[in-house]
N, C-alpha and C. Protein backbone atom coordinates (compact mmCIF):
# COMPACT_ATOMS: atom_id res chain seq x y z
N UNK A 1 1.29 3.28 -19.48
CA UNK A 1 2.75 3.20 -19.31
C UNK A 1 3.20 4.32 -18.39
N UNK A 2 4.10 4.00 -17.48
CA UNK A 2 4.57 4.99 -16.52
C UNK A 2 5.55 5.94 -17.18
N UNK A 3 5.30 7.23 -17.05
CA UNK A 3 6.17 8.22 -17.64
C UNK A 3 7.38 8.47 -16.74
N UNK A 4 8.54 8.79 -17.34
CA UNK A 4 9.71 9.10 -16.52
C UNK A 4 9.44 10.29 -15.61
N UNK A 5 9.98 10.24 -14.42
CA UNK A 5 9.80 11.31 -13.46
C UNK A 5 11.19 11.79 -13.04
N UNK A 6 11.28 13.01 -12.60
CA UNK A 6 12.58 13.55 -12.21
C UNK A 6 13.06 12.89 -10.94
N UNK A 7 14.38 12.65 -10.85
CA UNK A 7 14.98 12.02 -9.67
C UNK A 7 15.62 13.10 -8.81
N UNK A 8 15.41 13.05 -7.48
CA UNK A 8 16.09 14.02 -6.61
C UNK A 8 17.60 13.94 -6.80
N UNK A 9 18.27 15.03 -6.51
CA UNK A 9 19.73 15.06 -6.66
C UNK A 9 20.38 14.03 -5.75
N UNK A 10 21.49 13.41 -6.20
CA UNK A 10 22.19 12.42 -5.36
C UNK A 10 22.62 13.04 -4.04
N UNK A 11 22.61 12.21 -3.01
CA UNK A 11 23.08 12.69 -1.71
C UNK A 11 24.60 12.53 -1.64
N UNK A 12 25.23 13.18 -0.69
CA UNK A 12 26.67 13.08 -0.51
C UNK A 12 27.02 11.70 0.01
N UNK A 13 28.23 11.24 -0.30
CA UNK A 13 28.68 9.94 0.18
C UNK A 13 28.54 9.87 1.69
N UNK A 14 27.93 8.79 2.16
CA UNK A 14 27.62 8.69 3.58
C UNK A 14 28.67 7.85 4.31
N UNK A 15 28.75 8.06 5.62
CA UNK A 15 29.70 7.34 6.45
C UNK A 15 29.15 5.96 6.77
N UNK A 16 29.95 5.16 7.46
CA UNK A 16 29.55 3.80 7.79
C UNK A 16 28.31 3.81 8.68
N UNK A 17 27.35 2.94 8.34
CA UNK A 17 26.12 2.81 9.10
C UNK A 17 25.95 1.36 9.53
N UNK A 18 25.20 1.11 10.61
CA UNK A 18 24.83 -0.28 10.93
C UNK A 18 24.11 -0.91 9.74
N UNK A 19 24.21 -2.21 9.59
CA UNK A 19 23.67 -2.88 8.41
C UNK A 19 22.18 -2.60 8.22
N UNK A 20 21.40 -2.65 9.31
CA UNK A 20 19.96 -2.42 9.18
C UNK A 20 19.66 -1.00 8.71
N UNK A 21 20.40 -0.02 9.25
CA UNK A 21 20.21 1.37 8.84
C UNK A 21 20.63 1.57 7.40
N UNK A 22 21.71 0.93 6.99
CA UNK A 22 22.14 1.03 5.61
C UNK A 22 21.11 0.45 4.66
N UNK A 23 20.54 -0.66 5.05
CA UNK A 23 19.52 -1.30 4.20
C UNK A 23 18.33 -0.36 4.01
N UNK A 24 17.88 0.27 5.08
CA UNK A 24 16.76 1.21 4.98
C UNK A 24 17.12 2.39 4.09
N UNK A 25 18.35 2.86 4.21
CA UNK A 25 18.81 3.97 3.38
C UNK A 25 18.79 3.57 1.89
N UNK A 26 19.25 2.37 1.60
CA UNK A 26 19.28 1.91 0.22
C UNK A 26 17.87 1.71 -0.33
N UNK A 27 16.98 1.21 0.50
CA UNK A 27 15.59 1.04 0.05
C UNK A 27 14.94 2.38 -0.25
N UNK A 28 15.23 3.39 0.58
CA UNK A 28 14.67 4.72 0.33
C UNK A 28 15.20 5.29 -0.99
N UNK A 29 16.49 5.13 -1.21
CA UNK A 29 17.07 5.61 -2.47
C UNK A 29 16.47 4.86 -3.65
N UNK A 30 16.30 3.55 -3.51
CA UNK A 30 15.73 2.75 -4.59
C UNK A 30 14.30 3.18 -4.88
N UNK A 31 13.54 3.48 -3.83
CA UNK A 31 12.17 3.93 -4.03
C UNK A 31 12.13 5.19 -4.89
N UNK A 32 12.99 6.13 -4.58
CA UNK A 32 13.01 7.39 -5.33
C UNK A 32 13.34 7.15 -6.81
N UNK A 33 14.29 6.26 -7.06
CA UNK A 33 14.70 6.00 -8.44
C UNK A 33 13.64 5.19 -9.18
N UNK A 34 13.11 4.15 -8.55
CA UNK A 34 12.11 3.32 -9.21
C UNK A 34 10.82 4.09 -9.49
N UNK A 35 10.40 4.92 -8.54
CA UNK A 35 9.20 5.73 -8.76
C UNK A 35 9.42 6.71 -9.91
N UNK A 36 10.60 7.29 -9.98
CA UNK A 36 10.89 8.28 -11.02
C UNK A 36 11.06 7.65 -12.40
N UNK A 37 11.68 6.48 -12.46
CA UNK A 37 12.05 5.91 -13.75
C UNK A 37 11.31 4.63 -14.11
N UNK A 38 10.72 3.96 -13.14
CA UNK A 38 10.21 2.63 -13.39
C UNK A 38 11.34 1.62 -13.28
N UNK A 39 10.97 0.35 -13.17
CA UNK A 39 11.97 -0.69 -12.97
C UNK A 39 12.93 -0.80 -14.16
N UNK A 40 12.39 -0.85 -15.34
CA UNK A 40 13.21 -1.17 -16.51
C UNK A 40 14.23 -0.08 -16.81
N UNK A 41 13.88 1.17 -16.61
CA UNK A 41 14.80 2.26 -16.93
C UNK A 41 15.79 2.54 -15.81
N UNK A 42 15.49 2.11 -14.61
CA UNK A 42 16.37 2.38 -13.47
C UNK A 42 17.63 1.52 -13.57
N UNK A 43 18.73 2.06 -13.06
CA UNK A 43 20.01 1.33 -13.04
C UNK A 43 20.54 1.31 -11.62
N UNK A 44 21.28 0.26 -11.30
CA UNK A 44 21.88 0.17 -9.98
C UNK A 44 22.84 1.33 -9.74
N UNK A 45 23.49 1.80 -10.78
CA UNK A 45 24.36 2.98 -10.64
C UNK A 45 23.56 4.18 -10.12
N UNK A 46 22.35 4.36 -10.67
CA UNK A 46 21.50 5.48 -10.24
C UNK A 46 21.16 5.36 -8.76
N UNK A 47 20.84 4.15 -8.34
CA UNK A 47 20.44 3.92 -6.95
C UNK A 47 21.62 4.13 -6.01
N UNK A 48 22.78 3.62 -6.39
CA UNK A 48 23.98 3.83 -5.56
C UNK A 48 24.31 5.31 -5.45
N UNK A 49 24.24 6.03 -6.57
CA UNK A 49 24.51 7.47 -6.54
C UNK A 49 23.51 8.19 -5.65
N UNK A 50 22.24 7.81 -5.77
CA UNK A 50 21.21 8.47 -4.97
C UNK A 50 21.43 8.21 -3.48
N UNK A 51 21.88 7.02 -3.14
CA UNK A 51 22.12 6.66 -1.73
C UNK A 51 23.43 7.22 -1.21
N UNK A 52 24.31 7.66 -2.13
CA UNK A 52 25.60 8.18 -1.70
C UNK A 52 26.56 7.09 -1.29
N UNK A 53 26.46 5.91 -1.94
CA UNK A 53 27.35 4.80 -1.64
C UNK A 53 27.97 4.30 -2.94
N UNK A 54 28.99 3.49 -2.83
CA UNK A 54 29.57 2.85 -4.01
C UNK A 54 28.68 1.68 -4.44
N UNK A 55 28.78 1.31 -5.70
CA UNK A 55 27.96 0.19 -6.16
C UNK A 55 28.30 -1.12 -5.44
N UNK A 56 29.58 -1.40 -5.11
CA UNK A 56 29.85 -2.61 -4.32
C UNK A 56 29.12 -2.65 -2.99
N UNK A 57 28.95 -1.50 -2.34
CA UNK A 57 28.19 -1.47 -1.09
C UNK A 57 26.74 -1.85 -1.34
N UNK A 58 26.17 -1.34 -2.42
CA UNK A 58 24.79 -1.68 -2.77
C UNK A 58 24.65 -3.19 -3.00
N UNK A 59 25.62 -3.77 -3.72
CA UNK A 59 25.56 -5.20 -4.01
C UNK A 59 25.82 -6.06 -2.77
N UNK A 60 26.42 -5.51 -1.74
CA UNK A 60 26.57 -6.25 -0.50
C UNK A 60 25.22 -6.55 0.15
N UNK A 61 24.26 -5.66 -0.10
CA UNK A 61 22.93 -5.81 0.51
C UNK A 61 21.92 -6.45 -0.43
N UNK A 62 22.05 -6.21 -1.71
CA UNK A 62 21.10 -6.71 -2.69
C UNK A 62 21.87 -7.24 -3.91
N UNK A 63 21.71 -8.51 -4.24
CA UNK A 63 22.51 -9.09 -5.32
C UNK A 63 22.18 -8.58 -6.71
N UNK A 64 21.03 -7.92 -6.87
CA UNK A 64 20.67 -7.41 -8.18
C UNK A 64 19.50 -6.46 -8.10
N UNK A 65 19.17 -5.85 -9.22
CA UNK A 65 18.09 -4.86 -9.26
C UNK A 65 16.74 -5.49 -8.95
N UNK A 66 16.51 -6.68 -9.47
CA UNK A 66 15.22 -7.34 -9.23
C UNK A 66 15.04 -7.66 -7.76
N UNK A 67 16.09 -8.17 -7.11
CA UNK A 67 16.00 -8.48 -5.67
C UNK A 67 15.76 -7.22 -4.85
N UNK A 68 16.37 -6.12 -5.25
CA UNK A 68 16.16 -4.84 -4.57
C UNK A 68 14.72 -4.38 -4.74
N UNK A 69 14.20 -4.52 -5.94
CA UNK A 69 12.82 -4.12 -6.20
C UNK A 69 11.85 -4.97 -5.38
N UNK A 70 12.08 -6.27 -5.32
CA UNK A 70 11.20 -7.14 -4.55
C UNK A 70 11.24 -6.80 -3.06
N UNK A 71 12.41 -6.50 -2.54
CA UNK A 71 12.52 -6.12 -1.13
C UNK A 71 11.75 -4.84 -0.86
N UNK A 72 11.84 -3.89 -1.77
CA UNK A 72 11.14 -2.62 -1.62
C UNK A 72 9.63 -2.83 -1.74
N UNK A 73 9.22 -3.63 -2.69
CA UNK A 73 7.79 -3.91 -2.86
C UNK A 73 7.22 -4.59 -1.62
N UNK A 74 7.96 -5.55 -1.07
CA UNK A 74 7.50 -6.22 0.15
C UNK A 74 7.37 -5.23 1.30
N UNK A 75 8.30 -4.31 1.41
CA UNK A 75 8.23 -3.29 2.46
C UNK A 75 6.95 -2.47 2.34
N UNK A 76 6.61 -2.07 1.12
CA UNK A 76 5.44 -1.21 0.92
C UNK A 76 4.14 -1.98 1.05
N UNK A 77 4.11 -3.21 0.58
CA UNK A 77 2.92 -4.04 0.75
C UNK A 77 2.65 -4.27 2.23
N UNK A 78 3.72 -4.51 2.99
CA UNK A 78 3.58 -4.69 4.44
C UNK A 78 3.06 -3.42 5.10
N UNK A 79 3.53 -2.27 4.66
CA UNK A 79 3.09 -1.01 5.24
C UNK A 79 1.59 -0.80 5.03
N UNK A 80 1.10 -1.10 3.83
CA UNK A 80 -0.33 -0.96 3.56
C UNK A 80 -1.13 -1.94 4.40
N UNK A 81 -0.68 -3.18 4.44
CA UNK A 81 -1.40 -4.20 5.22
C UNK A 81 -1.48 -3.81 6.69
N UNK A 82 -0.40 -3.30 7.24
CA UNK A 82 -0.40 -2.89 8.65
C UNK A 82 -1.35 -1.73 8.89
N UNK A 83 -1.45 -0.82 7.94
CA UNK A 83 -2.42 0.29 8.08
C UNK A 83 -3.85 -0.25 8.18
N UNK A 84 -4.17 -1.20 7.31
CA UNK A 84 -5.53 -1.74 7.29
C UNK A 84 -5.80 -2.54 8.57
N UNK A 85 -4.85 -3.35 8.97
CA UNK A 85 -5.03 -4.14 10.19
C UNK A 85 -5.19 -3.25 11.41
N UNK A 86 -4.43 -2.17 11.47
CA UNK A 86 -4.55 -1.24 12.60
C UNK A 86 -5.94 -0.60 12.62
N UNK A 87 -6.48 -0.30 11.44
CA UNK A 87 -7.82 0.29 11.38
C UNK A 87 -8.86 -0.68 11.91
N UNK A 88 -8.68 -1.97 11.64
CA UNK A 88 -9.63 -2.97 12.12
C UNK A 88 -9.50 -3.21 13.62
N UNK A 89 -8.28 -3.15 14.13
CA UNK A 89 -8.04 -3.50 15.53
C UNK A 89 -8.20 -2.32 16.48
N UNK A 90 -8.25 -1.11 15.94
CA UNK A 90 -8.21 0.07 16.79
C UNK A 90 -9.51 0.46 17.45
N UNK A 91 -10.62 -0.20 17.09
CA UNK A 91 -11.93 0.18 17.62
C UNK A 91 -12.90 -0.98 17.47
N UNK A 92 -13.98 -0.95 18.28
CA UNK A 92 -15.06 -1.92 18.11
C UNK A 92 -16.23 -1.32 17.33
N UNK A 93 -16.14 -0.04 17.00
CA UNK A 93 -17.21 0.63 16.28
C UNK A 93 -17.02 0.38 14.78
N UNK A 94 -17.99 -0.25 14.14
CA UNK A 94 -17.80 -0.68 12.77
C UNK A 94 -17.79 0.47 11.76
N UNK A 95 -18.52 1.53 12.03
CA UNK A 95 -18.43 2.66 11.11
C UNK A 95 -17.04 3.29 11.17
N UNK A 96 -16.49 3.35 12.37
CA UNK A 96 -15.13 3.86 12.52
C UNK A 96 -14.13 2.94 11.82
N UNK A 97 -14.39 1.64 11.87
CA UNK A 97 -13.53 0.70 11.16
C UNK A 97 -13.57 0.95 9.65
N UNK A 98 -14.76 1.15 9.11
CA UNK A 98 -14.88 1.43 7.68
C UNK A 98 -14.12 2.71 7.34
N UNK A 99 -14.31 3.73 8.17
CA UNK A 99 -13.59 4.99 7.95
C UNK A 99 -12.09 4.77 7.99
N UNK A 100 -11.64 3.94 8.93
CA UNK A 100 -10.22 3.68 9.05
C UNK A 100 -9.67 2.89 7.87
N UNK A 101 -10.44 1.94 7.37
CA UNK A 101 -9.99 1.15 6.22
C UNK A 101 -9.88 2.03 4.98
N UNK A 102 -10.89 2.85 4.75
CA UNK A 102 -10.84 3.78 3.61
C UNK A 102 -9.65 4.73 3.78
N UNK A 103 -9.52 5.28 4.99
CA UNK A 103 -8.44 6.22 5.26
C UNK A 103 -7.07 5.60 5.11
N UNK A 104 -6.94 4.30 5.39
CA UNK A 104 -5.65 3.63 5.24
C UNK A 104 -5.17 3.67 3.80
N UNK A 105 -6.08 3.47 2.87
CA UNK A 105 -5.71 3.53 1.45
C UNK A 105 -5.39 4.96 1.03
N UNK A 106 -6.18 5.92 1.49
CA UNK A 106 -5.89 7.31 1.15
C UNK A 106 -4.53 7.74 1.68
N UNK A 107 -4.23 7.36 2.92
CA UNK A 107 -2.96 7.76 3.52
C UNK A 107 -1.78 7.07 2.84
N UNK A 108 -1.96 5.82 2.48
CA UNK A 108 -0.89 5.11 1.79
C UNK A 108 -0.61 5.72 0.42
N UNK A 109 -1.67 6.03 -0.31
CA UNK A 109 -1.51 6.59 -1.65
C UNK A 109 -1.01 8.03 -1.60
N UNK A 110 -1.33 8.75 -0.53
CA UNK A 110 -0.92 10.14 -0.41
C UNK A 110 0.41 10.29 0.32
N UNK A 111 1.04 9.19 0.71
CA UNK A 111 2.28 9.27 1.48
C UNK A 111 3.40 9.85 0.63
N UNK A 112 4.33 10.51 1.31
CA UNK A 112 5.47 11.11 0.63
C UNK A 112 6.28 10.04 -0.10
N UNK A 113 6.70 10.35 -1.30
CA UNK A 113 7.54 9.42 -2.05
C UNK A 113 6.81 8.60 -3.09
N UNK A 114 5.47 8.65 -3.09
CA UNK A 114 4.66 7.97 -4.10
C UNK A 114 4.97 6.47 -4.18
N UNK A 115 5.22 5.85 -3.04
CA UNK A 115 5.52 4.42 -3.03
C UNK A 115 4.35 3.59 -3.53
N UNK A 116 3.13 4.13 -3.46
CA UNK A 116 1.97 3.39 -3.93
C UNK A 116 2.11 2.96 -5.38
N UNK A 117 2.91 3.71 -6.16
CA UNK A 117 3.09 3.37 -7.58
C UNK A 117 3.74 2.00 -7.73
N UNK A 118 4.61 1.64 -6.80
CA UNK A 118 5.27 0.34 -6.85
C UNK A 118 4.27 -0.79 -6.64
N UNK A 119 3.25 -0.54 -5.83
CA UNK A 119 2.26 -1.56 -5.51
C UNK A 119 1.17 -1.64 -6.56
N UNK A 120 0.69 -0.48 -7.02
CA UNK A 120 -0.48 -0.45 -7.89
C UNK A 120 -0.18 -0.15 -9.35
N UNK A 121 1.01 0.38 -9.65
CA UNK A 121 1.31 0.80 -11.02
C UNK A 121 2.66 0.29 -11.50
N UNK A 122 3.11 -0.82 -10.98
CA UNK A 122 4.42 -1.33 -11.33
C UNK A 122 4.52 -1.69 -12.81
N UNK A 123 5.65 -1.37 -13.43
CA UNK A 123 5.89 -1.78 -14.80
C UNK A 123 6.52 -3.17 -14.85
N UNK A 124 6.48 -3.87 -13.72
CA UNK A 124 7.04 -5.22 -13.64
C UNK A 124 5.97 -6.22 -13.19
N UNK A 125 4.70 -5.88 -13.38
CA UNK A 125 3.63 -6.76 -12.91
C UNK A 125 3.56 -8.08 -13.66
N UNK A 126 4.24 -8.19 -14.81
CA UNK A 126 4.26 -9.47 -15.52
C UNK A 126 5.27 -10.44 -14.91
N UNK A 127 6.07 -9.96 -13.96
CA UNK A 127 7.00 -10.83 -13.23
C UNK A 127 6.21 -11.62 -12.19
N UNK A 128 6.39 -12.93 -12.17
CA UNK A 128 5.59 -13.78 -11.28
C UNK A 128 5.76 -13.41 -9.81
N UNK A 129 6.99 -13.12 -9.39
CA UNK A 129 7.23 -12.80 -7.98
C UNK A 129 6.64 -11.45 -7.60
N UNK A 130 6.72 -10.48 -8.50
CA UNK A 130 6.13 -9.17 -8.24
C UNK A 130 4.62 -9.29 -8.14
N UNK A 131 4.03 -10.00 -9.08
CA UNK A 131 2.58 -10.17 -9.06
C UNK A 131 2.13 -10.91 -7.80
N UNK A 132 2.90 -11.95 -7.41
CA UNK A 132 2.54 -12.71 -6.23
C UNK A 132 2.61 -11.86 -4.96
N UNK A 133 3.63 -11.02 -4.87
CA UNK A 133 3.77 -10.14 -3.71
C UNK A 133 2.62 -9.15 -3.63
N UNK A 134 2.31 -8.51 -4.75
CA UNK A 134 1.21 -7.55 -4.76
C UNK A 134 -0.11 -8.22 -4.44
N UNK A 135 -0.34 -9.40 -5.02
CA UNK A 135 -1.58 -10.13 -4.76
C UNK A 135 -1.66 -10.57 -3.30
N UNK A 136 -0.51 -10.98 -2.74
CA UNK A 136 -0.50 -11.39 -1.33
C UNK A 136 -0.89 -10.23 -0.43
N UNK A 137 -0.36 -9.04 -0.73
CA UNK A 137 -0.72 -7.88 0.06
C UNK A 137 -2.20 -7.55 -0.05
N UNK A 138 -2.73 -7.65 -1.27
CA UNK A 138 -4.16 -7.39 -1.46
C UNK A 138 -5.00 -8.39 -0.66
N UNK A 139 -4.62 -9.66 -0.73
CA UNK A 139 -5.36 -10.68 0.02
C UNK A 139 -5.29 -10.42 1.52
N UNK A 140 -4.14 -10.01 2.01
CA UNK A 140 -4.00 -9.76 3.45
C UNK A 140 -4.93 -8.63 3.90
N UNK A 141 -5.04 -7.59 3.10
CA UNK A 141 -5.95 -6.49 3.44
C UNK A 141 -7.40 -6.95 3.41
N UNK A 142 -7.76 -7.69 2.37
CA UNK A 142 -9.12 -8.20 2.27
C UNK A 142 -9.44 -9.12 3.44
N UNK A 143 -8.52 -10.00 3.78
CA UNK A 143 -8.77 -10.95 4.86
C UNK A 143 -8.89 -10.27 6.22
N UNK A 144 -8.11 -9.20 6.44
CA UNK A 144 -8.20 -8.48 7.70
C UNK A 144 -9.58 -7.87 7.89
N UNK A 145 -10.15 -7.35 6.82
CA UNK A 145 -11.49 -6.77 6.88
C UNK A 145 -12.55 -7.87 6.95
N UNK A 146 -12.35 -8.93 6.18
CA UNK A 146 -13.32 -10.03 6.14
C UNK A 146 -13.47 -10.69 7.51
N UNK A 147 -12.38 -10.81 8.25
CA UNK A 147 -12.45 -11.43 9.58
C UNK A 147 -13.41 -10.67 10.49
N UNK A 148 -13.39 -9.34 10.39
CA UNK A 148 -14.29 -8.53 11.22
C UNK A 148 -15.73 -8.68 10.74
N UNK A 149 -15.93 -8.64 9.43
CA UNK A 149 -17.28 -8.79 8.90
C UNK A 149 -17.87 -10.14 9.29
N UNK A 150 -17.06 -11.20 9.14
CA UNK A 150 -17.54 -12.54 9.47
C UNK A 150 -17.87 -12.66 10.95
N UNK A 151 -17.02 -12.12 11.80
CA UNK A 151 -17.23 -12.24 13.25
C UNK A 151 -18.45 -11.44 13.70
N UNK A 152 -18.67 -10.28 13.08
CA UNK A 152 -19.73 -9.40 13.54
C UNK A 152 -21.10 -9.71 12.95
N UNK A 153 -21.13 -10.25 11.74
CA UNK A 153 -22.42 -10.43 11.06
C UNK A 153 -22.87 -11.88 11.00
N UNK A 154 -21.94 -12.82 11.15
CA UNK A 154 -22.31 -14.22 10.98
C UNK A 154 -22.34 -14.66 9.54
N UNK A 155 -22.00 -13.78 8.61
CA UNK A 155 -21.89 -14.19 7.22
C UNK A 155 -20.79 -15.22 7.08
N UNK A 156 -20.91 -16.10 6.09
CA UNK A 156 -19.88 -17.11 5.91
C UNK A 156 -18.62 -16.47 5.33
N UNK A 157 -17.57 -17.29 5.25
CA UNK A 157 -16.25 -16.79 4.86
C UNK A 157 -16.26 -16.18 3.46
N UNK A 158 -16.85 -16.86 2.51
CA UNK A 158 -16.82 -16.38 1.13
C UNK A 158 -17.58 -15.07 0.97
N UNK A 159 -18.71 -14.93 1.62
CA UNK A 159 -19.48 -13.69 1.51
C UNK A 159 -18.77 -12.54 2.22
N UNK A 160 -18.11 -12.85 3.31
CA UNK A 160 -17.34 -11.82 4.02
C UNK A 160 -16.16 -11.35 3.17
N UNK A 161 -15.49 -12.29 2.52
CA UNK A 161 -14.38 -11.92 1.63
C UNK A 161 -14.86 -11.08 0.46
N UNK A 162 -16.03 -11.40 -0.07
CA UNK A 162 -16.58 -10.63 -1.19
C UNK A 162 -16.85 -9.19 -0.78
N UNK A 163 -17.48 -9.00 0.38
CA UNK A 163 -17.74 -7.65 0.86
C UNK A 163 -16.44 -6.90 1.14
N UNK A 164 -15.49 -7.59 1.75
CA UNK A 164 -14.20 -6.95 2.06
C UNK A 164 -13.47 -6.56 0.78
N UNK A 165 -13.54 -7.41 -0.24
CA UNK A 165 -12.91 -7.08 -1.52
C UNK A 165 -13.56 -5.85 -2.14
N UNK A 166 -14.87 -5.74 -2.00
CA UNK A 166 -15.56 -4.55 -2.51
C UNK A 166 -15.10 -3.29 -1.82
N UNK A 167 -14.90 -3.36 -0.51
CA UNK A 167 -14.47 -2.18 0.25
C UNK A 167 -13.04 -1.79 -0.11
N UNK A 168 -12.14 -2.76 -0.24
CA UNK A 168 -10.77 -2.41 -0.60
C UNK A 168 -10.68 -1.88 -2.02
N UNK A 169 -11.46 -2.46 -2.93
CA UNK A 169 -11.45 -1.96 -4.30
C UNK A 169 -11.98 -0.54 -4.39
N UNK A 170 -13.06 -0.27 -3.67
CA UNK A 170 -13.62 1.08 -3.61
C UNK A 170 -12.59 2.06 -3.06
N UNK A 171 -11.91 1.67 -2.01
CA UNK A 171 -10.95 2.56 -1.36
C UNK A 171 -9.76 2.85 -2.26
N UNK A 172 -9.20 1.80 -2.86
CA UNK A 172 -8.02 1.99 -3.71
C UNK A 172 -8.33 2.84 -4.93
N UNK A 173 -9.37 2.48 -5.67
CA UNK A 173 -9.65 3.20 -6.91
C UNK A 173 -10.04 4.65 -6.63
N UNK A 174 -10.78 4.88 -5.56
CA UNK A 174 -11.19 6.25 -5.22
C UNK A 174 -9.99 7.08 -4.77
N UNK A 175 -9.10 6.49 -3.97
CA UNK A 175 -7.92 7.23 -3.51
C UNK A 175 -7.01 7.58 -4.68
N UNK A 176 -6.87 6.67 -5.63
CA UNK A 176 -6.01 6.96 -6.79
C UNK A 176 -6.63 8.03 -7.68
N UNK A 177 -7.95 8.05 -7.78
CA UNK A 177 -8.61 9.12 -8.53
C UNK A 177 -8.46 10.45 -7.81
N UNK A 178 -8.57 10.42 -6.48
CA UNK A 178 -8.54 11.65 -5.67
C UNK A 178 -7.19 12.32 -5.69
N UNK A 179 -6.11 11.54 -5.72
CA UNK A 179 -4.78 12.10 -5.51
C UNK A 179 -4.48 13.31 -6.40
N UNK A 180 -4.66 13.24 -7.72
CA UNK A 180 -4.36 14.43 -8.54
C UNK A 180 -5.44 15.51 -8.44
N UNK A 181 -6.54 15.20 -7.74
CA UNK A 181 -7.64 16.16 -7.62
C UNK A 181 -7.83 16.66 -6.19
N UNK A 182 -6.86 16.39 -5.31
CA UNK A 182 -7.08 16.66 -3.90
C UNK A 182 -7.16 18.15 -3.58
N UNK A 183 -6.79 18.99 -4.53
CA UNK A 183 -6.95 20.41 -4.28
C UNK A 183 -8.40 20.84 -4.19
N UNK A 184 -9.29 20.04 -4.79
CA UNK A 184 -10.71 20.40 -4.77
C UNK A 184 -11.49 19.69 -3.67
N UNK A 185 -10.96 18.58 -3.16
CA UNK A 185 -11.62 17.83 -2.09
C UNK A 185 -10.56 17.44 -1.07
N UNK A 186 -10.74 17.81 0.18
CA UNK A 186 -9.74 17.48 1.19
C UNK A 186 -9.72 15.98 1.45
N UNK A 187 -8.64 15.53 2.05
CA UNK A 187 -8.53 14.11 2.38
C UNK A 187 -9.65 13.69 3.31
N UNK A 188 -9.92 14.46 4.37
CA UNK A 188 -10.92 14.07 5.35
C UNK A 188 -12.32 14.03 4.73
N UNK A 189 -12.63 15.01 3.88
CA UNK A 189 -13.95 15.01 3.24
C UNK A 189 -14.08 13.82 2.29
N UNK A 190 -13.01 13.54 1.54
CA UNK A 190 -13.05 12.41 0.61
C UNK A 190 -13.26 11.10 1.35
N UNK A 191 -12.53 10.90 2.44
CA UNK A 191 -12.66 9.67 3.21
C UNK A 191 -14.06 9.57 3.80
N UNK A 192 -14.60 10.67 4.29
CA UNK A 192 -15.94 10.64 4.87
C UNK A 192 -17.00 10.34 3.82
N UNK A 193 -16.85 10.90 2.63
CA UNK A 193 -17.80 10.61 1.55
C UNK A 193 -17.79 9.13 1.19
N UNK A 194 -16.60 8.56 1.06
CA UNK A 194 -16.50 7.14 0.72
C UNK A 194 -16.97 6.26 1.87
N UNK A 195 -16.70 6.70 3.11
CA UNK A 195 -17.19 5.95 4.26
C UNK A 195 -18.71 5.91 4.27
N UNK A 196 -19.33 7.05 4.01
CA UNK A 196 -20.80 7.11 3.98
C UNK A 196 -21.36 6.19 2.91
N UNK A 197 -20.71 6.19 1.75
CA UNK A 197 -21.17 5.33 0.66
C UNK A 197 -21.07 3.86 1.04
N UNK A 198 -19.91 3.46 1.58
CA UNK A 198 -19.71 2.05 1.94
C UNK A 198 -20.59 1.65 3.13
N UNK A 199 -20.67 2.54 4.12
CA UNK A 199 -21.43 2.22 5.33
C UNK A 199 -22.91 2.04 5.05
N UNK A 200 -23.43 2.78 4.09
CA UNK A 200 -24.85 2.67 3.75
C UNK A 200 -25.17 1.24 3.32
N UNK A 201 -24.21 0.58 2.70
CA UNK A 201 -24.44 -0.81 2.30
C UNK A 201 -24.08 -1.80 3.38
N UNK A 202 -22.89 -1.66 3.96
CA UNK A 202 -22.42 -2.64 4.93
C UNK A 202 -23.26 -2.65 6.20
N UNK A 203 -23.78 -1.50 6.59
CA UNK A 203 -24.54 -1.43 7.84
C UNK A 203 -25.87 -2.18 7.74
N UNK A 204 -26.28 -2.58 6.55
CA UNK A 204 -27.51 -3.35 6.40
C UNK A 204 -27.34 -4.77 6.92
N UNK A 205 -26.09 -5.17 7.16
CA UNK A 205 -25.84 -6.49 7.72
C UNK A 205 -25.72 -6.34 9.24
N UNK A 206 -26.74 -6.72 10.01
CA UNK A 206 -26.70 -6.47 11.46
C UNK A 206 -25.65 -7.31 12.15
N UNK A 207 -25.19 -6.78 13.29
CA UNK A 207 -24.23 -7.51 14.11
C UNK A 207 -24.93 -8.70 14.76
N UNK A 208 -24.17 -9.74 15.04
CA UNK A 208 -24.74 -10.89 15.74
C UNK A 208 -25.35 -10.44 17.04
N UNK A 209 -26.55 -10.93 17.33
CA UNK A 209 -27.25 -10.54 18.53
C UNK A 209 -28.20 -9.38 18.32
N UNK A 210 -28.05 -8.67 17.17
CA UNK A 210 -28.94 -7.55 16.90
C UNK A 210 -30.06 -7.93 15.94
N UNK A 211 -30.09 -9.15 15.49
CA UNK A 211 -31.09 -9.57 14.53
C UNK A 211 -30.48 -10.61 13.62
N UNK A 212 -31.28 -11.06 12.65
CA UNK A 212 -30.80 -12.06 11.72
C UNK A 212 -29.73 -11.47 10.82
N UNK A 213 -28.57 -12.16 10.66
CA UNK A 213 -27.55 -11.65 9.76
C UNK A 213 -28.02 -11.65 8.33
N UNK A 214 -27.56 -10.65 7.56
CA UNK A 214 -27.93 -10.56 6.16
C UNK A 214 -27.32 -11.69 5.37
N UNK A 215 -28.03 -12.12 4.33
CA UNK A 215 -27.54 -13.21 3.48
C UNK A 215 -27.60 -12.78 2.03
C-alpha cells in the first residue's frame, strides 16, 4: 500500500495561460498530489490549490479526478515509451541499444517528481482503464525492443517478444530496487552492470549474416 507523502506548498494564483500551457501546469500539479497521496486520498481541491487555480478552471480542462489521473498516466506512459524507442533508434550497435534500453528505465524511475509511481505503483490498478493504459505502455516498450531483436537475429515474433519482455522486466525491477539504494551504486555503474548481465545472454543470438540465428 502506498504511504502518504508530503505535498509541496501550493503555488500562488497564476495569470491567464494558453490552454495547452494551462493543461501542462495542471498535470504537473496533479502529479505532485497523486504521487504524495495516491489516487483515492487526493482531492480536486488539493490539485487546484497546488496549481494556483480555482476549481472551476480545473474542471474546464478535466471533468473529474479519474479523467485527470488517466490523462497524467497516459503522459507518463508515453514518456517511458519514447525513451525506449529513442534508445532503439539512436544507434545500430546492439550493445549500446541494450545499454540505452536499461538506461531508459533507470532515467524514468529516477526522474524528478517520482512519476514512475503512477505507472508501476498505482493504487488504482484495479480500474480497467488504468490497467489497460499501463499494459499498453508496457507492450509498446516490449514491441520496440522486439522489432530490433527480430530484425537482427531472424528469431520469430513470439521469441523476440519473449526476449524483449525479459529485458524490460529486468530493467524495471532492477531500477526500482536501485532507486532507494543509489547512494551506494551510481546510475551509470548500475546501468552498466545490468547491461553486461543482459548482453551476455542476448549476444548469443548472432545477427543475420553472421551465422545461424539462435533458436
